[in-house]
């Protein structure tokens, strides 16, 4: 097995996605929706631009994700400041239920991922992983820092 950073990151991400969607198959959620639900659970009423940046999703892709969520009754778009180009996204009761279910599944998968790993090892890993994230954020050409 290749223990390089990029390989381990890739395979862990693929496994997490597969297991997450397998456990959420009864919900009808599609790719991108769990991430948006997780973000809105903490920042309900966020602007679309803020969601796209925080979730590292292109604005056009986010629009598609939100359209699907709106069709399923999970979100409601509201214009709060009179700017017709700036929509804020709110979870409906159905969306809050889906967000709670998604959070539960994320927690279960995380518990499985860290099984047999001490609390200290987990904290150390997450601290190191956060540093890697910060390093990656500073790379030239980072789409997260774009001015849209």
C-alpha atoms as a PDB file:
ATOM      1  CA  UNK A   1       0.000   0.000   0.000  1.00  0.00           C
ATOM      2  CA  UNK A   2       1.246   3.468  -0.928  1.00  0.00           C
ATOM      3  CA  UNK A   3       1.478   5.583   2.229  1.00  0.00           C
ATOM      4  CA  UNK A   4       1.892   8.925   0.472  1.00  0.00           C
ATOM      5  CA  UNK A   5      -0.277  11.820   1.610  1.00  0.00           C
ATOM      6  CA  UNK A   6      -2.180  12.174  -1.658  1.00  0.00           C
ATOM      7  CA  UNK A   7      -2.923   8.464  -1.911  1.00  0.00           C
ATOM      8  CA  UNK A   8      -4.080   8.093   1.688  1.00  0.00           C
ATOM      9  CA  UNK A   9      -6.196  11.238   1.423  1.00  0.00           C
ATOM     10  CA  UNK A  10      -7.773  10.025  -1.815  1.00  0.00           C
ATOM     11  CA  UNK A  11      -8.622   6.513  -0.622  1.00  0.00           C
ATOM     12  CA  UNK A  12      -9.943   7.712   2.729  1.00  0.00           C
ATOM     13  CA  UNK A  13     -12.146  10.272   0.980  1.00  0.00           C
ATOM     14  CA  UNK A  14     -13.497   7.682  -1.477  1.00  0.00           C
ATOM     15  CA  UNK A  15     -14.215   5.188   1.311  1.00  0.00           C
ATOM     16  CA  UNK A  16     -15.901   7.867   3.442  1.00  0.00           C
ATOM     17  CA  UNK A  17     -18.085   8.976   0.506  1.00  0.00           C
ATOM     18  CA  UNK A  18     -19.108   5.396  -0.331  1.00  0.00           C
ATOM     19  CA  UNK A  19     -19.935   4.519   3.277  1.00  0.00           C
ATOM     20  CA  UNK A  20     -21.732   7.818   3.840  1.00  0.00           C
ATOM     21  CA  UNK A  21     -23.955   7.425   0.790  1.00  0.00           C
ATOM     22  CA  UNK A  22     -24.581   3.765   1.557  1.00  0.00           C
ATOM     23  CA  UNK A  23     -25.790   4.752   5.027  1.00  0.00           C
ATOM     24  CA  UNK A  24     -27.847   7.652   3.598  1.00  0.00           C
ATOM     25  CA  UNK A  25     -29.375   5.754   0.658  1.00  0.00           C
ATOM     26  CA  UNK A  26     -32.821   5.811   2.272  1.00  0.00           C
ATOM     27  CA  UNK A  27     -32.727   9.636   2.428  1.00  0.00           C
ATOM     28  CA  UNK A  28     -32.401  10.324  -1.304  1.00  0.00           C
ATOM     29  CA  UNK A  29     -29.531  12.752  -0.713  1.00  0.00           C
ATOM     30  CA  UNK A  30     -27.203  13.295  -3.648  1.00  0.00           C
ATOM     31  CA  UNK A  31     -23.552  14.256  -3.957  1.00  0.00           C
ATOM     32  CA  UNK A  32     -22.813  17.596  -2.306  1.00  0.00           C
ATOM     33  CA  UNK A  33     -26.039  17.764  -0.303  1.00  0.00           C
ATOM     34  CA  UNK A  34     -24.687  16.262   2.970  1.00  0.00           C
ATOM     35  CA  UNK A  35     -21.843  18.800   3.002  1.00  0.00           C
ATOM     36  CA  UNK A  36     -24.277  21.694   2.470  1.00  0.00           C
ATOM     37  CA  UNK A  37     -26.650  20.354   5.141  1.00  0.00           C
ATOM     38  CA  UNK A  38     -23.751  20.047   7.576  1.00  0.00           C
ATOM     39  CA  UNK A  39     -22.726  23.658   6.889  1.00  0.00           C
ATOM     40  CA  UNK A  40     -26.283  25.032   7.141  1.00  0.00           C
ATOM     41  CA  UNK A  41     -26.809  23.211  10.429  1.00  0.00           C
ATOM     42  CA  UNK A  42     -24.215  25.608  11.869  1.00  0.00           C
ATOM     43  CA  UNK A  43     -24.872  28.649   9.638  1.00  0.00           C
ATOM     44  CA  UNK A  44     -28.567  28.567   8.739  1.00  0.00           C
ATOM     45  CA  UNK A  45     -29.433  31.581   6.613  1.00  0.00           C
ATOM     46  CA  UNK A  46     -25.999  31.854   5.005  1.00  0.00           C
ATOM     47  CA  UNK A  47     -25.652  33.503   1.614  1.00  0.00           C
ATOM     48  CA  UNK A  48     -25.080  31.200  -1.359  1.00  0.00           C
ATOM     49  CA  UNK A  49     -21.654  32.756  -1.920  1.00  0.00           C
ATOM     50  CA  UNK A  50     -20.665  31.951   1.680  1.00  0.00           C
ATOM     51  CA  UNK A  51     -21.853  28.344   1.333  1.00  0.00           C
ATOM     52  CA  UNK A  52     -19.924  27.863  -1.914  1.00  0.00           C
ATOM     53  CA  UNK A  53     -16.715  29.198  -0.368  1.00  0.00           C
ATOM     54  CA  UNK A  54     -17.007  27.256   2.899  1.00  0.00           C
ATOM     55  CA  UNK A  55     -17.906  23.984   1.171  1.00  0.00           C
ATOM     56  CA  UNK A  56     -15.340  24.435  -1.623  1.00  0.00           C
ATOM     57  CA  UNK A  57     -18.050  24.129  -4.271  1.00  0.00           C
ATOM     58  CA  UNK A  58     -18.175  26.129  -7.497  1.00  0.00           C
ATOM     59  CA  UNK A  59     -21.146  28.551  -7.461  1.00  0.00           C
ATOM     60  CA  UNK A  60     -22.754  26.908 -10.525  1.00  0.00           C
ATOM     61  CA  UNK A  61     -22.467  23.461  -8.915  1.00  0.00           C
ATOM     62  CA  UNK A  62     -23.924  24.808  -5.680  1.00  0.00           C
ATOM     63  CA  UNK A  63     -26.916  26.179  -7.582  1.00  0.00           C
ATOM     64  CA  UNK A  64     -27.603  22.677  -8.929  1.00  0.00           C
ATOM     65  CA  UNK A  65     -27.230  21.163  -5.443  1.00  0.00           C
ATOM     66  CA  UNK A  66     -29.545  23.776  -3.909  1.00  0.00           C
ATOM     67  CA  UNK A  67     -32.139  23.323  -6.663  1.00  0.00           C
ATOM     68  CA  UNK A  68     -32.322  19.621  -5.789  1.00  0.00           C
ATOM     69  CA  UNK A  69     -32.558  20.384  -2.090  1.00  0.00           C
ATOM     70  CA  UNK A  70     -35.306  22.935  -2.697  1.00  0.00           C
ATOM     71  CA  UNK A  71     -37.272  20.440  -4.824  1.00  0.00           C
ATOM     72  CA  UNK A  72     -37.059  17.947  -1.937  1.00  0.00           C
ATOM     73  CA  UNK A  73     -38.294  20.558   0.548  1.00  0.00           C
ATOM     74  CA  UNK A  74     -35.050  20.748   2.517  1.00  0.00           C
ATOM     75  CA  UNK A  75     -34.256  24.423   2.012  1.00  0.00           C
ATOM     76  CA  UNK A  76     -35.915  27.726   1.324  1.00  0.00           C
ATOM     77  CA  UNK A  77     -34.228  30.615  -0.481  1.00  0.00           C
ATOM     78  CA  UNK A  78     -34.910  34.100   0.845  1.00  0.00           C
ATOM     79  CA  UNK A  79     -33.846  37.519  -0.342  1.00  0.00           C
ATOM     80  CA  UNK A  80     -33.037  39.466   2.818  1.00  0.00           C
ATOM     81  CA  UNK A  81     -31.457  42.686   1.653  1.00  0.00           C
ATOM     82  CA  UNK A  82     -33.334  43.567  -1.514  1.00  0.00           C
ATOM     83  CA  UNK A  83     -30.440  42.459  -3.720  1.00  0.00           C
ATOM     84  CA  UNK A  84     -32.055  40.031  -6.158  1.00  0.00           C
ATOM     85  CA  UNK A  85     -28.675  38.435  -6.856  1.00  0.00           C
ATOM     86  CA  UNK A  86     -27.992  37.603  -3.196  1.00  0.00           C
ATOM     87  CA  UNK A  87     -30.016  34.719  -1.803  1.00  0.00           C
ATOM     88  CA  UNK A  88     -29.824  33.381   1.728  1.00  0.00           C
ATOM     89  CA  UNK A  89     -30.494  29.708   2.325  1.00  0.00           C
ATOM     90  CA  UNK A  90     -32.551  28.448   5.256  1.00  0.00           C
ATOM     91  CA  UNK A  91     -33.239  24.894   6.332  1.00  0.00           C
ATOM     92  CA  UNK A  92     -36.880  23.881   6.450  1.00  0.00           C
ATOM     93  CA  UNK A  93     -38.118  21.467   9.115  1.00  0.00           C
ATOM     94  CA  UNK A  94     -37.440  18.649   6.626  1.00  0.00           C
ATOM     95  CA  UNK A  95     -33.956  20.057   6.028  1.00  0.00           C
ATOM     96  CA  UNK A  96     -33.276  20.176   9.763  1.00  0.00           C
ATOM     97  CA  UNK A  97     -34.313  16.517  10.047  1.00  0.00           C
ATOM     98  CA  UNK A  98     -32.013  15.604   7.157  1.00  0.00           C
ATOM     99  CA  UNK A  99     -29.162  17.647   8.665  1.00  0.00           C
ATOM    100  CA  UNK A 100     -29.565  15.831  11.993  1.00  0.00           C
ATOM    101  CA  UNK A 101     -29.589  12.442  10.241  1.00  0.00           C
ATOM    102  CA  UNK A 102     -26.511  13.411   8.246  1.00  0.00           C
ATOM    103  CA  UNK A 103     -24.693  14.622  11.370  1.00  0.00           C
ATOM    104  CA  UNK A 104     -25.473  11.317  13.099  1.00  0.00           C
ATOM    105  CA  UNK A 105     -24.075   9.358  10.147  1.00  0.00           C
ATOM    106  CA  UNK A 106     -20.938  11.545  10.031  1.00  0.00           C
ATOM    107  CA  UNK A 107     -20.400  10.928  13.760  1.00  0.00           C
ATOM    108  CA  UNK A 108     -20.853   7.162  13.337  1.00  0.00           C
ATOM    109  CA  UNK A 109     -18.366   7.047  10.454  1.00  0.00           C
ATOM    110  CA  UNK A 110     -15.879   9.155  12.387  1.00  0.00           C
ATOM    111  CA  UNK A 111     -16.193   6.820  15.374  1.00  0.00           C
ATOM    112  CA  UNK A 112     -15.475   3.861  13.070  1.00  0.00           C
ATOM    113  CA  UNK A 113     -12.530   5.675  11.489  1.00  0.00           C
ATOM    114  CA  UNK A 114     -10.942   6.404  14.872  1.00  0.00           C
ATOM    115  CA  UNK A 115     -11.671   2.994  16.434  1.00  0.00           C
ATOM    116  CA  UNK A 116      -8.634   1.735  18.332  1.00  0.00           C
ATOM    117  CA  UNK A 117      -7.004   5.175  18.271  1.00  0.00           C
ATOM    118  CA  UNK A 118      -6.466   6.948  21.580  1.00  0.00           C
ATOM    119  CA  UNK A 119      -7.905  10.379  22.282  1.00  0.00           C
ATOM    120  CA  UNK A 120      -4.383  11.843  22.290  1.00  0.00           C
ATOM    121  CA  UNK A 121      -3.552  10.237  18.923  1.00  0.00           C
ATOM    122  CA  UNK A 122      -6.815  11.560  17.516  1.00  0.00           C
ATOM    123  CA  UNK A 123      -6.179  15.123  18.746  1.00  0.00           C
ATOM    124  CA  UNK A 124      -2.627  15.008  17.406  1.00  0.00           C
ATOM    125  CA  UNK A 125      -3.782  13.718  14.020  1.00  0.00           C
ATOM    126  CA  UNK A 126      -6.497  16.358  13.706  1.00  0.00           C
ATOM    127  CA  UNK A 127      -4.094  19.117  14.735  1.00  0.00           C
ATOM    128  CA  UNK A 128      -1.592  17.978  12.095  1.00  0.00           C
ATOM    129  CA  UNK A 129      -4.330  17.578   9.492  1.00  0.00           C
ATOM    130  CA  UNK A 130      -5.507  21.130  10.223  1.00  0.00           C
ATOM    131  CA  UNK A 131      -1.962  22.400   9.638  1.00  0.00           C
ATOM    132  CA  UNK A 132      -1.887  20.563   6.302  1.00  0.00           C
ATOM    133  CA  UNK A 133      -5.222  22.174   5.412  1.00  0.00           C
ATOM    134  CA  UNK A 134      -3.842  25.618   6.255  1.00  0.00           C
ATOM    135  CA  UNK A 135      -0.757  24.929   4.124  1.00  0.00           C
ATOM    136  CA  UNK A 136      -2.951  23.849   1.224  1.00  0.00           C
ATOM    137  CA  UNK A 137      -5.113  26.965   1.595  1.00  0.00           C
ATOM    138  CA  UNK A 138      -2.070  29.180   1.050  1.00  0.00           C
ATOM    139  CA  UNK A 139      -1.090  27.526  -2.244  1.00  0.00           C
ATOM    140  CA  UNK A 140      -1.221  29.785  -5.274  1.00  0.00           C
ATOM    141  CA  UNK A 141      -4.303  29.233  -7.391  1.00  0.00           C
ATOM    142  CA  UNK A 142      -6.495  28.229  -4.465  1.00  0.00           C
ATOM    143  CA  UNK A 143     -10.107  28.518  -5.658  1.00  0.00           C
ATOM    144  CA  UNK A 144     -11.363  29.104  -2.112  1.00  0.00           C
ATOM    145  CA  UNK A 145      -9.717  32.545  -2.036  1.00  0.00           C
ATOM    146  CA  UNK A 146     -11.215  33.709  -5.325  1.00  0.00           C
ATOM    147  CA  UNK A 147     -13.068  36.976  -5.352  1.00  0.00           C
ATOM    148  CA  UNK A 148     -16.447  36.154  -6.923  1.00  0.00           C
END
